[in-house]
N, C-alpha and C. Protein backbone atom coordinates (compact mmCIF):
# COMPACT_ATOMS: atom_id res chain seq x y z
N MET A 1 58.89 25.78 -1.53
CA MET A 1 58.03 26.99 -1.39
C MET A 1 58.48 27.95 -2.36
N LYS A 2 59.64 27.75 -2.82
CA LYS A 2 60.19 29.03 -4.04
C LYS A 2 59.54 28.65 -5.01
N SER A 3 59.57 27.51 -5.45
CA SER A 3 58.99 26.67 -6.66
C SER A 3 57.57 27.21 -6.79
N ILE A 4 56.63 27.14 -5.84
CA ILE A 4 55.35 27.55 -5.81
C ILE A 4 55.37 29.19 -5.91
N VAL A 5 56.01 29.63 -5.41
CA VAL A 5 55.96 31.22 -5.49
C VAL A 5 56.46 31.69 -7.13
N THR A 6 57.40 31.02 -7.42
CA THR A 6 58.11 31.02 -9.05
C THR A 6 56.64 30.66 -9.97
N THR A 7 56.04 29.56 -9.80
CA THR A 7 54.85 28.88 -10.43
C THR A 7 53.81 30.28 -10.62
N LEU A 8 53.52 30.88 -9.46
CA LEU A 8 52.54 31.42 -9.19
C LEU A 8 52.68 32.80 -9.92
N VAL A 9 54.08 33.42 -9.70
CA VAL A 9 54.38 34.51 -10.57
C VAL A 9 54.38 34.45 -11.67
N SER A 10 55.06 33.34 -12.31
CA SER A 10 54.92 32.92 -13.95
C SER A 10 53.52 33.20 -14.30
N ALA A 11 52.39 32.34 -13.39
CA ALA A 11 51.22 32.15 -13.87
C ALA A 11 50.50 33.63 -13.89
N GLY A 12 50.87 34.62 -12.92
CA GLY A 12 50.26 35.92 -12.83
C GLY A 12 50.90 36.72 -14.00
N VAL A 13 52.17 36.72 -14.43
CA VAL A 13 52.66 37.28 -15.41
C VAL A 13 51.68 36.76 -16.72
N ALA A 14 51.61 35.45 -17.10
CA ALA A 14 50.93 34.84 -18.10
C ALA A 14 49.57 35.51 -18.12
N LEU A 15 49.02 35.45 -16.84
CA LEU A 15 47.67 35.99 -16.96
C LEU A 15 47.41 37.50 -17.22
N ALA A 16 48.51 38.28 -16.73
CA ALA A 16 48.41 39.74 -16.81
C ALA A 16 48.79 39.91 -18.55
N ILE A 17 49.53 39.18 -19.18
CA ILE A 17 50.09 39.31 -20.66
C ILE A 17 48.79 39.04 -21.42
N ALA A 18 48.14 37.93 -20.97
CA ALA A 18 46.60 37.62 -21.56
C ALA A 18 45.49 38.56 -21.67
N ALA A 19 45.85 39.17 -20.40
CA ALA A 19 44.65 40.14 -20.37
C ALA A 19 44.94 41.37 -21.34
N PHE A 20 46.21 41.60 -21.79
CA PHE A 20 46.48 42.75 -22.65
C PHE A 20 46.80 42.56 -23.85
N GLN A 21 46.24 41.40 -24.55
CA GLN A 21 46.64 41.04 -25.71
C GLN A 21 45.47 41.82 -26.80
N PRO A 22 45.56 42.17 -27.73
CA PRO A 22 44.72 42.85 -28.37
C PRO A 22 43.68 41.99 -28.95
N ALA A 23 42.38 42.43 -29.12
CA ALA A 23 41.48 41.44 -29.58
C ALA A 23 41.96 40.58 -31.19
N ALA A 24 41.53 39.31 -31.24
CA ALA A 24 41.93 38.45 -32.27
C ALA A 24 40.96 38.98 -33.46
N ALA A 25 41.53 38.86 -34.57
CA ALA A 25 40.74 38.89 -35.89
C ALA A 25 39.80 37.79 -35.90
N THR A 26 38.60 38.20 -36.53
CA THR A 26 37.58 36.74 -36.71
C THR A 26 37.15 36.85 -38.08
N ASP A 27 36.39 35.99 -38.68
CA ASP A 27 36.06 35.77 -39.93
C ASP A 27 34.83 36.11 -40.21
N ARG A 28 33.95 36.35 -39.02
CA ARG A 28 32.70 36.73 -39.06
C ARG A 28 31.95 37.53 -38.20
N ALA A 29 31.17 38.39 -38.19
CA ALA A 29 30.38 39.05 -37.32
C ALA A 29 29.02 39.55 -37.63
N ARG A 30 28.28 40.12 -36.67
CA ARG A 30 27.04 40.47 -36.91
C ARG A 30 26.63 41.92 -36.22
N ALA A 31 25.54 42.64 -36.72
CA ALA A 31 25.00 43.76 -35.84
C ALA A 31 23.70 43.61 -36.11
N ALA A 32 22.94 43.32 -34.78
CA ALA A 32 21.29 43.50 -34.99
C ALA A 32 21.13 45.18 -35.01
N MET A 33 20.48 45.54 -35.88
CA MET A 33 19.81 46.82 -36.08
C MET A 33 18.69 46.78 -35.46
N LYS A 34 18.79 48.26 -34.65
CA LYS A 34 17.42 48.62 -33.87
C LYS A 34 17.30 50.06 -34.22
N ASN A 35 15.94 50.73 -34.39
CA ASN A 35 15.68 52.04 -34.61
C ASN A 35 15.67 52.96 -32.80
N ALA A 36 15.04 53.89 -33.06
CA ALA A 36 15.47 54.64 -31.75
C ALA A 36 14.33 54.42 -30.69
N LYS A 37 13.38 53.59 -31.15
CA LYS A 37 12.48 52.94 -30.51
C LYS A 37 12.51 51.35 -29.58
N GLY A 38 13.84 50.92 -30.27
CA GLY A 38 14.29 49.64 -29.85
C GLY A 38 13.74 48.59 -30.44
N GLU A 39 12.78 48.95 -31.70
CA GLU A 39 12.35 47.88 -32.56
C GLU A 39 13.47 47.37 -33.54
N SER A 40 13.49 46.14 -33.77
CA SER A 40 14.36 45.61 -34.78
C SER A 40 14.03 46.13 -36.18
N VAL A 41 15.04 46.41 -37.21
CA VAL A 41 15.04 46.95 -38.13
C VAL A 41 15.56 45.90 -39.29
N GLY A 42 16.47 44.66 -38.54
CA GLY A 42 17.12 43.92 -39.33
C GLY A 42 18.27 43.31 -38.90
N GLU A 43 19.22 43.01 -39.40
CA GLU A 43 20.43 42.40 -39.40
C GLU A 43 21.59 42.83 -40.30
N VAL A 44 22.91 43.16 -40.13
CA VAL A 44 23.90 43.07 -40.84
C VAL A 44 24.82 41.92 -40.62
N SER A 45 25.38 41.22 -41.48
CA SER A 45 26.38 40.07 -41.05
C SER A 45 27.63 40.59 -42.02
N LEU A 46 28.48 40.22 -41.30
CA LEU A 46 29.87 40.67 -41.91
C LEU A 46 30.75 39.51 -42.07
N ARG A 47 31.68 39.55 -42.99
CA ARG A 47 32.29 38.23 -43.43
C ARG A 47 33.42 38.52 -43.89
N ARG A 48 34.77 38.25 -43.63
CA ARG A 48 36.10 38.28 -43.97
C ARG A 48 36.38 37.78 -45.33
N THR A 49 36.78 38.39 -46.42
CA THR A 49 36.74 37.90 -47.67
C THR A 49 38.23 38.19 -48.12
N HIS A 50 39.04 37.85 -49.16
CA HIS A 50 40.37 37.88 -49.41
C HIS A 50 40.46 39.45 -49.97
N HIS A 51 39.43 40.20 -50.12
CA HIS A 51 39.44 41.51 -50.64
C HIS A 51 38.90 42.52 -49.72
N GLY A 52 38.79 42.32 -48.52
CA GLY A 52 37.92 43.32 -47.56
C GLY A 52 36.94 42.28 -46.66
N THR A 53 35.71 43.31 -46.47
CA THR A 53 34.69 42.62 -45.57
C THR A 53 33.29 42.83 -46.40
N LEU A 54 32.72 41.74 -46.48
CA LEU A 54 31.61 41.74 -47.40
C LEU A 54 30.56 41.72 -46.08
N LEU A 55 29.52 42.59 -46.42
CA LEU A 55 28.40 43.22 -45.13
C LEU A 55 27.18 42.79 -46.10
N HIS A 56 26.26 42.14 -45.51
CA HIS A 56 24.99 41.53 -45.90
C HIS A 56 24.05 42.09 -45.17
N ALA A 57 23.32 42.80 -45.53
CA ALA A 57 22.18 43.59 -44.89
C ALA A 57 20.70 43.28 -45.38
N ARG A 58 19.83 42.61 -44.21
CA ARG A 58 18.58 42.35 -44.49
C ARG A 58 17.93 43.53 -43.45
N LEU A 59 17.29 44.40 -44.09
CA LEU A 59 16.57 45.50 -43.23
C LEU A 59 15.12 45.78 -43.59
N SER A 60 14.41 46.20 -42.70
CA SER A 60 12.98 46.28 -42.85
C SER A 60 12.45 47.50 -42.10
N ASN A 61 11.46 47.76 -42.26
CA ASN A 61 10.72 48.96 -41.46
C ASN A 61 11.38 50.08 -41.44
N LEU A 62 12.11 50.55 -42.52
CA LEU A 62 12.81 52.04 -42.58
C LEU A 62 12.18 52.75 -43.58
N PRO A 63 12.53 54.06 -43.23
CA PRO A 63 11.73 55.10 -44.15
C PRO A 63 12.30 54.85 -45.81
N ALA A 64 11.47 54.99 -46.59
CA ALA A 64 11.90 54.84 -48.06
C ALA A 64 12.78 56.17 -48.54
N GLY A 65 13.75 55.87 -49.44
CA GLY A 65 14.76 56.77 -49.54
C GLY A 65 16.03 56.57 -49.51
N ALA A 66 17.13 57.47 -49.76
CA ALA A 66 18.48 57.15 -49.95
C ALA A 66 18.87 57.61 -48.40
N HIS A 67 19.87 56.55 -47.94
CA HIS A 67 20.44 56.77 -46.43
C HIS A 67 21.87 56.21 -46.33
N ALA A 68 22.50 57.09 -45.38
CA ALA A 68 24.03 57.01 -45.49
C ALA A 68 23.97 55.62 -44.67
N PHE A 69 24.87 54.70 -44.97
CA PHE A 69 25.26 53.47 -44.18
C PHE A 69 26.66 53.61 -43.91
N HIS A 70 26.95 53.57 -42.37
CA HIS A 70 28.63 53.38 -42.41
C HIS A 70 28.89 52.67 -40.76
N VAL A 71 30.02 52.42 -40.69
CA VAL A 71 30.54 51.84 -39.60
C VAL A 71 30.98 52.67 -38.73
N HIS A 72 30.70 52.93 -37.44
CA HIS A 72 31.00 53.90 -36.62
C HIS A 72 32.09 53.35 -35.60
N ALA A 73 32.44 54.23 -34.79
CA ALA A 73 33.79 54.00 -34.12
C ALA A 73 33.49 53.26 -32.49
N ILE A 74 32.51 53.50 -32.32
CA ILE A 74 31.97 52.87 -30.94
C ILE A 74 30.71 51.96 -30.91
N GLY A 75 30.99 51.24 -30.39
CA GLY A 75 30.03 50.19 -30.12
C GLY A 75 28.88 50.12 -29.15
N LYS A 76 28.15 51.59 -29.29
CA LYS A 76 27.22 51.66 -28.27
C LYS A 76 26.13 52.14 -28.98
N CYS A 77 25.05 52.06 -28.81
CA CYS A 77 23.65 52.43 -29.77
C CYS A 77 22.73 52.81 -28.62
N THR A 78 22.82 53.90 -28.00
CA THR A 78 21.74 54.42 -27.24
C THR A 78 21.26 55.68 -28.15
N PRO A 79 19.99 55.47 -28.20
CA PRO A 79 19.23 56.65 -29.12
C PRO A 79 19.38 58.04 -28.36
N PRO A 80 19.97 59.05 -29.32
CA PRO A 80 19.65 59.22 -30.83
C PRO A 80 20.95 58.50 -31.47
N PHE A 81 21.76 57.63 -30.70
CA PHE A 81 22.65 57.01 -31.61
C PHE A 81 24.02 57.75 -31.79
N LYS A 82 24.18 59.14 -31.05
CA LYS A 82 25.53 60.00 -31.02
C LYS A 82 26.40 59.04 -30.19
N SER A 83 25.72 58.24 -29.44
CA SER A 83 26.89 57.37 -28.53
C SER A 83 27.78 56.19 -29.53
N ALA A 84 27.40 56.29 -30.65
CA ALA A 84 28.29 55.41 -31.66
C ALA A 84 29.55 56.03 -32.11
N GLY A 85 29.48 57.22 -31.48
CA GLY A 85 30.84 58.18 -32.11
C GLY A 85 30.73 58.43 -33.59
N GLY A 86 31.84 58.82 -34.02
CA GLY A 86 32.06 59.22 -35.34
C GLY A 86 32.32 58.08 -36.36
N HIS A 87 32.77 58.27 -37.53
CA HIS A 87 33.00 57.21 -38.44
C HIS A 87 34.44 56.20 -37.97
N PHE A 88 34.30 55.04 -38.14
CA PHE A 88 35.39 54.16 -37.81
C PHE A 88 36.24 54.59 -38.86
N ASN A 89 37.52 55.13 -38.31
CA ASN A 89 38.76 56.11 -39.03
C ASN A 89 39.77 55.73 -38.44
N PRO A 90 40.36 54.14 -38.38
CA PRO A 90 41.60 53.94 -38.00
C PRO A 90 43.06 54.63 -38.68
N GLY A 91 42.94 54.89 -39.85
CA GLY A 91 43.71 55.70 -40.64
C GLY A 91 43.92 57.07 -40.76
N GLY A 92 42.95 57.69 -39.74
CA GLY A 92 43.08 59.17 -39.57
C GLY A 92 42.85 59.94 -40.87
N LYS A 93 41.86 59.15 -41.77
CA LYS A 93 41.75 59.97 -43.13
C LYS A 93 40.54 60.99 -43.10
N LYS A 94 40.34 61.61 -44.21
CA LYS A 94 39.14 62.40 -44.08
C LYS A 94 37.99 61.94 -44.65
N HIS A 95 36.80 62.49 -44.56
CA HIS A 95 35.55 61.61 -45.21
C HIS A 95 35.14 61.93 -46.75
N GLY A 96 34.85 60.42 -47.06
CA GLY A 96 34.23 60.57 -48.35
C GLY A 96 34.94 59.98 -49.25
N PHE A 97 34.09 59.37 -50.40
CA PHE A 97 34.58 58.80 -51.61
C PHE A 97 35.10 60.01 -52.40
N ASP A 98 34.82 61.42 -52.20
CA ASP A 98 35.10 62.24 -53.36
C ASP A 98 36.11 63.09 -52.75
N SER A 99 36.79 62.77 -51.50
CA SER A 99 37.91 63.28 -50.74
C SER A 99 39.27 62.73 -51.50
N SER A 100 40.01 63.74 -51.94
CA SER A 100 41.52 63.50 -52.03
C SER A 100 42.18 62.96 -50.69
N GLU A 101 41.68 63.12 -49.62
CA GLU A 101 42.38 62.80 -48.39
C GLU A 101 41.60 61.90 -47.76
N GLY A 102 40.55 61.25 -48.32
CA GLY A 102 39.92 60.01 -47.64
C GLY A 102 40.16 58.87 -48.37
N MET A 103 39.31 57.94 -47.79
CA MET A 103 38.24 57.74 -47.08
C MET A 103 38.25 57.31 -45.75
N HIS A 104 37.53 57.28 -44.83
CA HIS A 104 37.25 56.64 -43.65
C HIS A 104 37.14 54.98 -44.11
N ALA A 105 37.57 54.38 -42.88
CA ALA A 105 37.25 52.68 -43.42
C ALA A 105 35.96 52.38 -43.04
N GLY A 106 35.06 53.39 -42.45
CA GLY A 106 33.60 53.08 -42.31
C GLY A 106 32.72 53.49 -43.12
N ASP A 107 33.47 54.39 -44.14
CA ASP A 107 32.66 55.00 -45.21
C ASP A 107 32.19 54.16 -46.40
N MET A 108 30.98 53.93 -46.65
CA MET A 108 30.19 52.95 -47.52
C MET A 108 29.32 53.94 -48.39
N PRO A 109 28.91 52.94 -49.48
CA PRO A 109 27.83 53.75 -50.29
C PRO A 109 26.62 53.91 -49.71
N ASN A 110 25.74 54.69 -50.02
CA ASN A 110 24.33 54.84 -49.68
C ASN A 110 23.81 53.97 -49.94
N ILE A 111 22.77 53.76 -49.27
CA ILE A 111 21.51 52.15 -49.46
C ILE A 111 20.44 53.10 -50.00
N HIS A 112 19.37 52.63 -50.70
CA HIS A 112 18.36 52.98 -51.34
C HIS A 112 17.20 52.11 -50.89
N VAL A 113 16.59 52.58 -49.79
CA VAL A 113 15.25 51.83 -49.58
C VAL A 113 14.02 52.07 -50.48
N PRO A 114 13.28 51.21 -50.87
CA PRO A 114 12.12 51.29 -51.54
C PRO A 114 10.75 51.14 -50.62
N ALA A 115 9.80 51.77 -51.52
CA ALA A 115 8.59 52.12 -50.83
C ALA A 115 8.53 51.31 -49.58
N SER A 116 8.73 49.77 -49.99
CA SER A 116 8.21 48.95 -49.00
C SER A 116 8.76 49.01 -47.45
N GLY A 117 9.97 49.85 -47.81
CA GLY A 117 10.66 49.93 -46.28
C GLY A 117 11.80 48.77 -46.12
N SER A 118 11.78 47.46 -47.19
CA SER A 118 12.57 46.53 -46.73
C SER A 118 13.43 46.35 -47.92
N LEU A 119 14.73 46.04 -47.56
CA LEU A 119 16.20 45.94 -48.50
C LEU A 119 16.68 44.90 -48.16
N GLU A 120 17.53 44.06 -48.86
CA GLU A 120 18.24 43.10 -48.89
C GLU A 120 19.61 43.53 -49.97
N ILE A 121 20.87 43.89 -49.39
CA ILE A 121 21.94 44.36 -50.12
C ILE A 121 23.49 43.89 -49.55
N GLU A 122 24.24 43.47 -50.24
CA GLU A 122 25.58 43.16 -50.16
C GLU A 122 26.53 44.42 -50.58
N ILE A 123 27.21 44.88 -49.66
CA ILE A 123 28.50 45.73 -50.12
C ILE A 123 29.53 45.12 -49.30
N LEU A 124 31.02 45.34 -50.39
CA LEU A 124 32.39 44.85 -50.20
C LEU A 124 32.89 46.09 -49.72
N ASN A 125 33.52 46.16 -48.50
CA ASN A 125 34.11 47.39 -47.92
C ASN A 125 35.60 46.89 -48.08
N THR A 126 36.51 47.39 -48.75
CA THR A 126 37.66 46.91 -48.92
C THR A 126 38.78 47.64 -48.04
N LEU A 127 38.34 48.70 -47.24
CA LEU A 127 39.13 49.22 -46.22
C LEU A 127 38.79 48.65 -44.72
N LEU A 128 37.61 47.86 -44.66
CA LEU A 128 37.15 47.35 -43.33
C LEU A 128 37.89 46.06 -42.91
N GLU A 129 38.60 45.75 -41.65
CA GLU A 129 39.03 44.51 -41.65
C GLU A 129 38.32 44.32 -40.13
N LEU A 130 38.21 42.79 -39.83
CA LEU A 130 37.51 42.12 -39.04
C LEU A 130 38.51 41.86 -37.63
N GLY A 131 39.39 42.96 -37.55
CA GLY A 131 40.31 42.75 -36.75
C GLY A 131 40.40 43.44 -35.22
N PRO A 132 41.55 43.80 -34.53
CA PRO A 132 41.75 44.35 -33.47
C PRO A 132 41.10 45.66 -33.24
N ALA A 133 41.42 46.45 -34.50
CA ALA A 133 41.05 48.11 -34.39
C ALA A 133 39.29 48.08 -34.14
N LEU A 134 38.78 47.30 -35.05
CA LEU A 134 37.35 47.32 -34.88
C LEU A 134 36.66 46.64 -33.57
N PHE A 135 37.63 45.63 -32.97
CA PHE A 135 36.88 44.86 -31.65
C PHE A 135 37.61 45.29 -30.62
N ASP A 136 38.11 46.83 -30.58
CA ASP A 136 38.85 47.28 -29.69
C ASP A 136 38.03 47.39 -28.33
N GLY A 137 38.64 48.00 -27.12
CA GLY A 137 37.85 47.90 -25.87
C GLY A 137 36.45 48.70 -25.90
N ASP A 138 36.25 49.51 -26.94
CA ASP A 138 35.02 50.10 -27.08
C ASP A 138 34.19 49.48 -28.23
N GLY A 139 34.56 48.67 -28.94
CA GLY A 139 33.85 48.23 -30.21
C GLY A 139 33.46 49.06 -30.93
N ALA A 140 32.37 48.72 -32.04
CA ALA A 140 32.17 49.59 -33.13
C ALA A 140 30.71 48.96 -33.45
N ALA A 141 30.21 50.11 -34.40
CA ALA A 141 28.52 50.02 -34.55
C ALA A 141 28.54 50.30 -36.06
N ILE A 142 27.26 49.63 -36.85
CA ILE A 142 26.78 50.12 -37.92
C ILE A 142 25.75 51.01 -37.81
N VAL A 143 25.61 52.29 -38.35
CA VAL A 143 24.36 53.08 -38.33
C VAL A 143 23.96 53.51 -39.61
N ILE A 144 22.66 53.46 -39.86
CA ILE A 144 21.92 54.11 -40.66
C ILE A 144 21.46 55.43 -40.41
N HIS A 145 21.67 56.63 -41.34
CA HIS A 145 21.32 58.06 -41.39
C HIS A 145 19.80 58.28 -41.97
N ALA A 146 19.32 59.45 -41.27
CA ALA A 146 17.97 59.74 -42.20
C ALA A 146 18.26 60.27 -43.61
N GLY A 147 19.35 60.71 -43.90
CA GLY A 147 19.56 61.25 -45.28
C GLY A 147 20.74 60.54 -46.07
N PRO A 148 21.06 60.90 -47.19
CA PRO A 148 22.10 60.22 -48.03
C PRO A 148 23.58 60.63 -47.57
N ASP A 149 24.54 60.14 -47.63
CA ASP A 149 25.89 60.78 -47.47
C ASP A 149 26.19 61.81 -48.85
N ASP A 150 26.69 62.46 -48.77
CA ASP A 150 26.95 63.53 -49.85
C ASP A 150 28.55 62.85 -50.40
N TYR A 151 29.10 62.26 -49.51
CA TYR A 151 30.49 61.76 -49.95
C TYR A 151 31.67 62.80 -50.04
N ARG A 152 31.38 63.90 -49.46
CA ARG A 152 32.60 64.89 -49.43
C ARG A 152 32.56 65.64 -48.09
N THR A 153 31.57 65.90 -47.34
CA THR A 153 31.52 66.64 -46.37
C THR A 153 32.38 65.88 -45.10
N ASP A 154 33.40 66.56 -44.76
CA ASP A 154 33.93 65.76 -43.43
C ASP A 154 33.17 66.42 -42.17
N PRO A 155 33.07 65.72 -41.13
CA PRO A 155 33.69 64.42 -40.91
C PRO A 155 32.42 63.22 -41.33
N ALA A 156 31.09 63.65 -41.83
CA ALA A 156 30.36 62.68 -41.75
C ALA A 156 29.48 62.45 -42.92
N GLY A 157 29.51 63.61 -43.97
CA GLY A 157 28.70 63.38 -45.32
C GLY A 157 27.56 64.06 -45.19
N ALA A 158 27.30 64.93 -43.99
CA ALA A 158 26.01 65.72 -44.19
C ALA A 158 24.62 64.94 -44.05
N ALA A 159 24.77 63.43 -43.48
CA ALA A 159 23.60 62.70 -43.65
C ALA A 159 22.47 62.87 -42.99
N GLY A 160 22.83 63.68 -41.86
CA GLY A 160 21.62 64.01 -40.80
C GLY A 160 21.49 62.96 -39.74
N ALA A 161 20.44 63.16 -38.86
CA ALA A 161 20.23 62.24 -38.01
C ALA A 161 20.28 60.60 -37.89
N ARG A 162 20.76 60.13 -36.99
CA ARG A 162 21.04 58.42 -37.19
C ARG A 162 19.70 57.92 -36.82
N ILE A 163 19.15 57.13 -37.21
CA ILE A 163 17.81 56.29 -37.37
C ILE A 163 17.93 54.94 -37.05
N ALA A 164 19.12 54.31 -37.12
CA ALA A 164 18.83 52.95 -36.47
C ALA A 164 20.57 52.58 -36.50
N CYS A 165 20.95 51.74 -35.55
CA CYS A 165 22.24 51.35 -35.16
C CYS A 165 22.24 49.99 -34.70
N GLY A 166 23.40 49.27 -34.74
CA GLY A 166 23.51 47.89 -34.13
C GLY A 166 25.07 48.00 -33.93
N VAL A 167 25.18 47.20 -32.85
CA VAL A 167 26.66 46.87 -32.29
C VAL A 167 27.28 45.87 -33.03
N ILE A 168 28.31 46.00 -33.71
CA ILE A 168 29.15 44.89 -34.25
C ILE A 168 29.68 43.77 -33.20
N ARG A 169 29.23 42.43 -33.18
CA ARG A 169 29.50 41.43 -32.40
C ARG A 169 30.21 40.23 -33.06
N LYS A 170 31.09 39.83 -32.51
CA LYS A 170 31.88 38.62 -33.38
C LYS A 170 30.96 37.46 -32.96
């Protein structure tokens, strides 16, 4: 009887430890992008490289012009997408390429959508890791804003409303 209890206790401890392990790193992830009407506007694939994370975005049905393109801290995309929280910022930095105290790991260059509304682009984010911080309990998302990021205004670059969002999934 004692050996059965010991085995069960040991198994219980192992299960408890497994339940509290941080999310493991991954080599690939993706985000299905949707607008506020729930319509698909494309997909972003993420791939780990030796120099950071390569994001490959295939987007369509977006308004022409410059748009901020960020990784946000929460993997929830309920319109108007405020549910995605602020920028992904595990290092506690200030916002923007132009900030001497920045930048967030979720800060990326603006995308420039042509009149067709379709765009395919690759961006290397050297600060973004496909690891435990990104895949924590509340996940993360990619967000496209109505306007461009000014690369300096903290915390979000004065980019305006959020027009598309996709939860990052392994």
